[in-house]
């Protein structure tokens, strides 16, 4: 392969927010901080080949799940044109991109987070070949530019638990990029499992982008932002102390608040489905009856994330098979754990 042609590949995971980011300020900046953990099996794998060309202006071909995707091409071209500020060599490159997911696209699992982080990690790898970056600069730059593509993608460039958004509760936190917080997280949380129940596949009725925009004119917006800051500080304390009861209470409240904001928007919308509510009731009943720290969270969609400590997973998986699988479309669910983060693919 000559110097005018470079090929790289990265596998980058989705993440699930515990304290939710919902609402923007400025250019892709959060109105309140958020905390997430990275998943291990819900990921996007993206290969990027860059071919140098004489004419100016980045261009691309995108193949998603082996099929050319003009709609995504337009979105990615707009992003790459912005990214020329951080990766000036893009101006004379043609990119051939092949991408695939291990989970359903546009159904409330953060597919844009894994997709943009995988793409940007490839750009950073190429950047390292062309100029050289330290590990810290590499991932900080990857987080920054992933955010420009899709805000929650900035949390997917690290493994474990991550915080995005400036908060006085954590030194070094930033609105510009996410930071890893594993060094303060109690061991009980590092082995957590996340089983995603696929209540509904397919595209959401209202996109996350539209949802964020609706929050700007929401009568509860300021209160939500204040609560987001407070819950970030509280969750940092919970994660450090290993307080499972506090974790259950806060994470479920955050999930329900997110969907309450949708339902009370200036243009109200509902992304939960009847089976979403049925699953939530089953989870709460199971927890009350067994004392097992099984809880739920929701992303911007109908699908339910079941969270539990790893040492309780056998009983939880039995409960899913016996009581919950009937609420899943085509009996589909995805088993994940706290992941180690992105991986360069040889």
Foldseek 3Di string as FASTA:
>chain_A
DDPQKDKFKKKWFFKDWLQDFFAADDQLFTLAKTKIFTWAAWIKIKMKMKGFADAFAAAEWEAEVNHTDVVVRVLVSVLVVVCCVVVVSRGGIYMYMYMYTPDFPQFFTPPLLRVLLRVLLRSLVSVCVVPRDDPVRSLQSSLQSSSNSPNSNLQGQFFTMKMAHDAPLDPPHHRRGIDDDVVQFDPQQQWKKKKKFALDGDHFPDGSVRRNVLLVPAPCNVVSNVVSNVLVNVVSVCRNVVPLVVSQVSSQVSQVVSQVCQCRTPPHDGQADPLLVVVQVLQVVVCVVPVFSWHWHGGSHHMIIIMHGPVCVVVVVVCCVVPPLVSGDVSDMDMITRHRHMDIDD
